[in-house]
Amino acid sequence: NKNYSLALSMYCASTSPQPQKYLIGQKRIAFKSKMRSIYNDIENTFDKFHREIDRKEEELKEIVQKIEVDTLEKFDKVFSDLVSICKIKDSIIASISEDTDG
């Protein structure tokens, strides 16, 4: 296919009234096409990069939420244990007071 394009370009250049301008025009078209292709590749790479960032951000949000829930559950457990300990302490103090008063 490249050989055919080259042969066609050479033929057109040789039959063109201004062969040099024709070849320059063809090179310009090929260059623009290559630049467009490179630009599209870069744009696709950035799109993939941003999608990956968004996916990682969602994963991090889920991890942080789980940590927050786990932390709150642990805090609730510790607080509940402290309340129980205070109740036991209060009942011990009350029973000691009754023993010393009675």
Foldseek 3Di string as FASTA:
>chain_A
DVVVVVVVLVVCLVPPPHSVVSVVVVVVVVVVVVVVVVVVVVVVVVVVVVVVVVVVVVVVVVVVVVVVVVVVVVVVVVVVVVVVVVVVVVVVVVVVVVVVVD
